[in-house]
N, C-alpha and C. Protein backbone atom coordinates (compact mmCIF):
# COMPACT_ATOMS: atom_id res chain seq x y z
N GLY A 1 0.20 -1.20 0.04
CA GLY A 1 -0.22 0.05 -0.61
C GLY A 1 1.00 1.41 0.69
N ARG A 2 1.88 1.63 1.26
CA ARG A 2 2.12 2.46 1.52
C ARG A 2 3.12 2.73 0.17
N PHE A 3 3.70 1.67 -0.94
CA PHE A 3 4.77 2.10 -1.62
C PHE A 3 4.03 2.71 -2.90
N MET A 4 2.48 1.59 -3.58
CA MET A 4 1.66 2.50 -4.48
C MET A 4 1.28 4.02 -4.00
N ASP A 5 0.56 4.37 -2.81
CA ASP A 5 0.61 6.16 -2.62
C ASP A 5 1.82 6.48 -3.83
N ARG A 6 2.89 6.30 -3.52
CA ARG A 6 3.78 7.25 -3.66
C ARG A 6 3.93 7.29 -5.16
N VAL A 7 3.83 5.43 -5.57
CA VAL A 7 3.91 6.40 -7.13
C VAL A 7 2.36 7.22 -7.39
N ALA A 8 1.49 6.61 -7.07
CA ALA A 8 0.53 7.75 -7.25
C ALA A 8 -0.21 9.04 -7.95
N VAL A 9 0.87 9.64 -6.38
CA VAL A 9 0.65 10.70 -6.46
C VAL A 9 1.91 11.43 -7.50
N PRO A 10 2.86 11.03 -8.33
CA PRO A 10 3.30 11.79 -9.59
C PRO A 10 1.68 12.13 -10.73
N ASN A 11 1.46 11.42 -10.75
CA ASN A 11 0.53 10.76 -11.90
C ASN A 11 -1.05 11.19 -11.20
N MET A 12 -1.73 11.57 -9.99
CA MET A 12 -2.32 12.56 -10.06
C MET A 12 -2.00 13.46 -10.33
N ALA A 13 -1.00 14.62 -10.21
CA ALA A 13 -0.37 15.65 -10.11
C ALA A 13 -0.41 16.00 -12.03
N GLN A 14 0.18 14.89 -12.34
CA GLN A 14 0.65 15.33 -13.88
C GLN A 14 -0.85 15.06 -14.72
N GLU A 15 -1.68 14.94 -14.07
CA GLU A 15 -3.38 14.65 -14.23
C GLU A 15 -4.22 15.94 -13.80
N LEU A 16 -3.98 16.64 -12.79
CA LEU A 16 -3.71 17.82 -12.15
C LEU A 16 -3.54 19.10 -13.18
N ALA A 17 -1.85 18.86 -13.86
CA ALA A 17 -1.53 19.76 -14.54
C ALA A 17 -2.11 19.92 -15.89
N ASP A 18 -2.34 18.57 -16.57
CA ASP A 18 -3.00 19.12 -18.34
C ASP A 18 -3.77 19.50 -17.89
N ARG A 19 -5.17 19.38 -16.80
CA ARG A 19 -7.00 19.00 -16.55
C ARG A 19 -6.54 20.85 -16.95
N GLY A 20 -5.06 21.70 -16.06
CA GLY A 20 -4.51 23.08 -16.41
C GLY A 20 -4.56 23.74 -17.44
N VAL A 21 -3.59 22.85 -18.81
CA VAL A 21 -3.14 22.78 -19.75
C VAL A 21 -4.59 23.38 -20.85
N ALA A 22 -5.33 22.14 -20.64
CA ALA A 22 -6.33 22.02 -20.90
C ALA A 22 -7.53 23.47 -21.34
N LEU A 23 -7.16 23.87 -19.85
CA LEU A 23 -8.40 25.17 -19.74
C LEU A 23 -7.68 26.17 -19.39
N VAL A 24 -6.18 26.29 -19.87
CA VAL A 24 -5.28 28.21 -20.28
C VAL A 24 -5.57 27.46 -21.99
N ASP A 25 -5.05 25.92 -22.43
CA ASP A 25 -5.84 26.43 -24.13
C ASP A 25 -6.40 26.91 -24.21
N ARG A 26 -8.53 26.84 -23.45
CA ARG A 26 -9.21 27.49 -23.31
C ARG A 26 -9.74 28.37 -23.95
N TYR A 27 -8.89 29.02 -23.23
CA TYR A 27 -8.81 30.78 -22.58
C TYR A 27 -8.35 31.18 -23.44
N ARG A 28 -7.00 30.64 -24.31
CA ARG A 28 -6.33 31.43 -25.28
C ARG A 28 -7.75 31.36 -26.35
N GLN A 29 -7.74 30.44 -26.59
CA GLN A 29 -8.26 29.53 -28.31
C GLN A 29 -10.10 31.32 -28.07
N LEU A 30 -10.23 31.54 -27.57
CA LEU A 30 -11.28 32.28 -27.51
C LEU A 30 -10.95 34.05 -27.66
N ALA A 31 -11.55 34.58 -28.41
CA ALA A 31 -11.32 35.55 -28.38
C ALA A 31 -11.33 36.93 -26.98
N ALA A 32 -10.91 37.05 -27.06
CA ALA A 32 -10.66 38.77 -26.28
C ALA A 32 -11.97 39.04 -25.19
N GLY A 33 -13.09 39.34 -25.56
CA GLY A 33 -14.47 39.82 -24.96
C GLY A 33 -15.16 38.13 -24.90
N ASP A 34 -14.03 37.36 -25.06
CA ASP A 34 -15.36 36.06 -24.91
C ASP A 34 -14.95 35.19 -23.96
N ARG A 35 -13.10 35.52 -23.06
CA ARG A 35 -12.57 34.54 -22.95
C ARG A 35 -13.47 34.13 -21.22
N GLU A 36 -13.15 33.45 -20.63
CA GLU A 36 -13.96 33.66 -18.88
C GLU A 36 -12.90 33.49 -18.34
N ASP A 37 -12.53 34.54 -17.31
CA ASP A 37 -11.79 34.91 -16.30
C ASP A 37 -11.40 33.42 -15.84
N GLU A 38 -13.07 32.77 -15.20
CA GLU A 38 -12.97 31.25 -14.13
C GLU A 38 -12.41 30.56 -14.40
N ASP A 39 -12.08 30.06 -16.03
CA ASP A 39 -10.62 28.87 -16.97
C ASP A 39 -9.73 29.27 -16.22
N ALA A 40 -9.04 30.03 -16.42
CA ALA A 40 -7.64 30.71 -15.91
C ALA A 40 -7.77 30.40 -14.27
N SER A 41 -8.13 30.57 -14.50
CA SER A 41 -8.74 31.23 -12.23
C SER A 41 -8.85 29.76 -11.42
N LYS A 42 -9.66 28.53 -12.61
CA LYS A 42 -9.47 27.07 -12.46
C LYS A 42 -7.80 26.09 -12.95
N ALA A 43 -7.38 27.14 -14.12
CA ALA A 43 -6.04 25.80 -14.53
C ALA A 43 -5.01 27.04 -12.95
N ARG A 44 -5.09 28.03 -12.82
CA ARG A 44 -4.18 27.66 -11.56
C ARG A 44 -4.76 27.47 -10.45
N ARG A 45 -5.69 27.17 -10.09
CA ARG A 45 -5.94 25.98 -8.90
C ARG A 45 -5.51 24.71 -9.23
N LEU A 46 -5.75 24.24 -10.31
CA LEU A 46 -5.46 23.16 -10.66
C LEU A 46 -3.77 22.84 -10.44
N PHE A 47 -3.54 23.84 -11.03
CA PHE A 47 -1.71 23.79 -11.08
C PHE A 47 -0.91 24.04 -9.80
N GLU A 48 -1.57 25.08 -8.92
CA GLU A 48 -1.47 24.58 -7.60
C GLU A 48 -0.47 23.21 -6.90
N ARG A 49 -2.89 22.85 -7.19
CA ARG A 49 -2.48 21.53 -6.62
C ARG A 49 -2.38 20.55 -7.20
N ALA A 50 -1.59 20.55 -8.38
CA ALA A 50 -0.41 19.47 -8.55
C ALA A 50 0.34 19.61 -8.34
N LEU A 51 0.71 20.70 -7.79
CA LEU A 51 2.51 21.78 -7.15
C LEU A 51 2.98 20.83 -6.09
N GLN A 52 1.46 20.73 -5.44
CA GLN A 52 1.41 19.84 -4.16
C GLN A 52 1.81 18.68 -3.98
N GLU A 53 1.44 18.26 -4.60
CA GLU A 53 1.42 16.70 -4.86
C GLU A 53 2.88 16.52 -5.36
N ASP A 54 2.85 17.19 -6.79
CA ASP A 54 4.92 16.73 -6.53
C ASP A 54 5.15 18.48 -7.11
N ILE A 55 5.82 18.76 -5.77
CA ILE A 55 6.86 19.94 -6.22
C ILE A 55 7.06 20.15 -7.51
N ASN A 56 7.50 19.22 -8.28
CA ASN A 56 8.62 19.33 -8.84
C ASN A 56 7.93 19.23 -10.79
N ASN A 57 6.44 19.11 -10.08
CA ASN A 57 6.05 18.44 -12.10
C ASN A 57 5.89 20.41 -13.06
N GLU A 58 6.87 19.47 -14.01
CA GLU A 58 7.86 20.43 -14.94
C GLU A 58 5.92 21.27 -15.17
N THR A 59 4.73 20.39 -15.74
CA THR A 59 3.88 20.73 -16.67
C THR A 59 2.72 21.89 -15.84
N ALA A 60 3.49 21.43 -14.54
CA ALA A 60 2.04 22.84 -13.90
C ALA A 60 3.46 23.87 -13.68
N LEU A 61 4.21 23.37 -13.52
CA LEU A 61 5.24 24.36 -12.80
C LEU A 61 5.53 25.46 -13.88
N LEU A 62 4.90 25.42 -15.19
CA LEU A 62 5.69 26.18 -16.85
C LEU A 62 3.82 26.46 -16.54
N GLY A 63 3.04 25.73 -16.48
CA GLY A 63 1.33 26.72 -17.06
C GLY A 63 1.61 27.54 -15.98
N LEU A 64 1.67 27.80 -14.88
CA LEU A 64 1.96 28.32 -13.42
C LEU A 64 2.48 30.09 -13.47
N GLY A 65 3.24 29.81 -14.16
CA GLY A 65 4.80 30.07 -14.58
C GLY A 65 3.71 31.47 -15.48
N GLU A 66 3.46 30.74 -17.22
CA GLU A 66 2.62 31.90 -17.92
C GLU A 66 1.35 32.25 -16.61
N ILE A 67 0.31 31.55 -16.66
CA ILE A 67 -0.30 32.47 -15.76
C ILE A 67 -0.34 33.80 -15.32
N LEU A 68 0.62 33.80 -14.38
CA LEU A 68 1.13 34.67 -13.82
C LEU A 68 2.26 35.86 -14.61
N ASP A 69 3.06 35.45 -15.33
CA ASP A 69 4.02 36.25 -15.93
C ASP A 69 2.89 36.91 -17.58
N GLU A 70 2.37 36.30 -17.63
CA GLU A 70 0.83 36.60 -18.45
C GLU A 70 -0.58 37.94 -18.20
N GLY A 71 -0.56 37.25 -16.55
CA GLY A 71 -1.76 38.04 -16.13
C GLY A 71 -2.78 37.25 -16.79
N LEU A 72 -3.22 35.89 -17.08
CA LEU A 72 -4.30 35.40 -17.61
C LEU A 72 -5.10 35.25 -16.58
N GLY A 73 -6.23 35.55 -16.74
CA GLY A 73 -6.87 35.97 -15.63
C GLY A 73 -7.16 36.36 -14.22
N CYS A 74 -5.75 37.16 -13.96
CA CYS A 74 -4.83 37.98 -13.25
C CYS A 74 -4.40 39.19 -13.48
N GLU A 75 -4.18 39.50 -12.67
CA GLU A 75 -3.42 40.88 -12.37
C GLU A 75 -1.33 39.98 -13.05
N PRO A 76 -1.11 41.10 -13.94
CA PRO A 76 0.44 40.09 -14.07
C PRO A 76 1.41 40.46 -13.16
N ASP A 77 1.77 38.85 -12.48
CA ASP A 77 2.97 39.32 -11.09
C ASP A 77 4.81 38.53 -11.89
N PRO A 78 5.40 39.05 -12.42
CA PRO A 78 6.57 38.54 -13.91
C PRO A 78 7.93 38.02 -11.72
N VAL A 79 7.62 39.11 -10.94
CA VAL A 79 7.52 38.32 -9.47
C VAL A 79 8.09 36.87 -9.66
N ARG A 80 6.75 36.36 -9.30
CA ARG A 80 6.02 35.26 -8.14
C ARG A 80 6.15 34.07 -9.41
N ALA A 81 6.09 35.27 -10.99
CA ALA A 81 6.12 33.62 -11.83
C ALA A 81 7.60 32.86 -12.59
């Protein structure tokens, strides 16, 4: 049991990160007036949750960095990005 739990965590982190990427992609594909800031906010929360599971998840690190750097659904924050 214990070993399997450790193996499952990175997979869970990647699944969360992949869901975040899908939301960011959807956000970017829409015209500026049609975008839902909630998509970007949900993506940010998914990336943050993924990093809680696996601090080294590259997909989540890059996704969160993009959101903060570009200000997708939030104020840009290049320092935190």
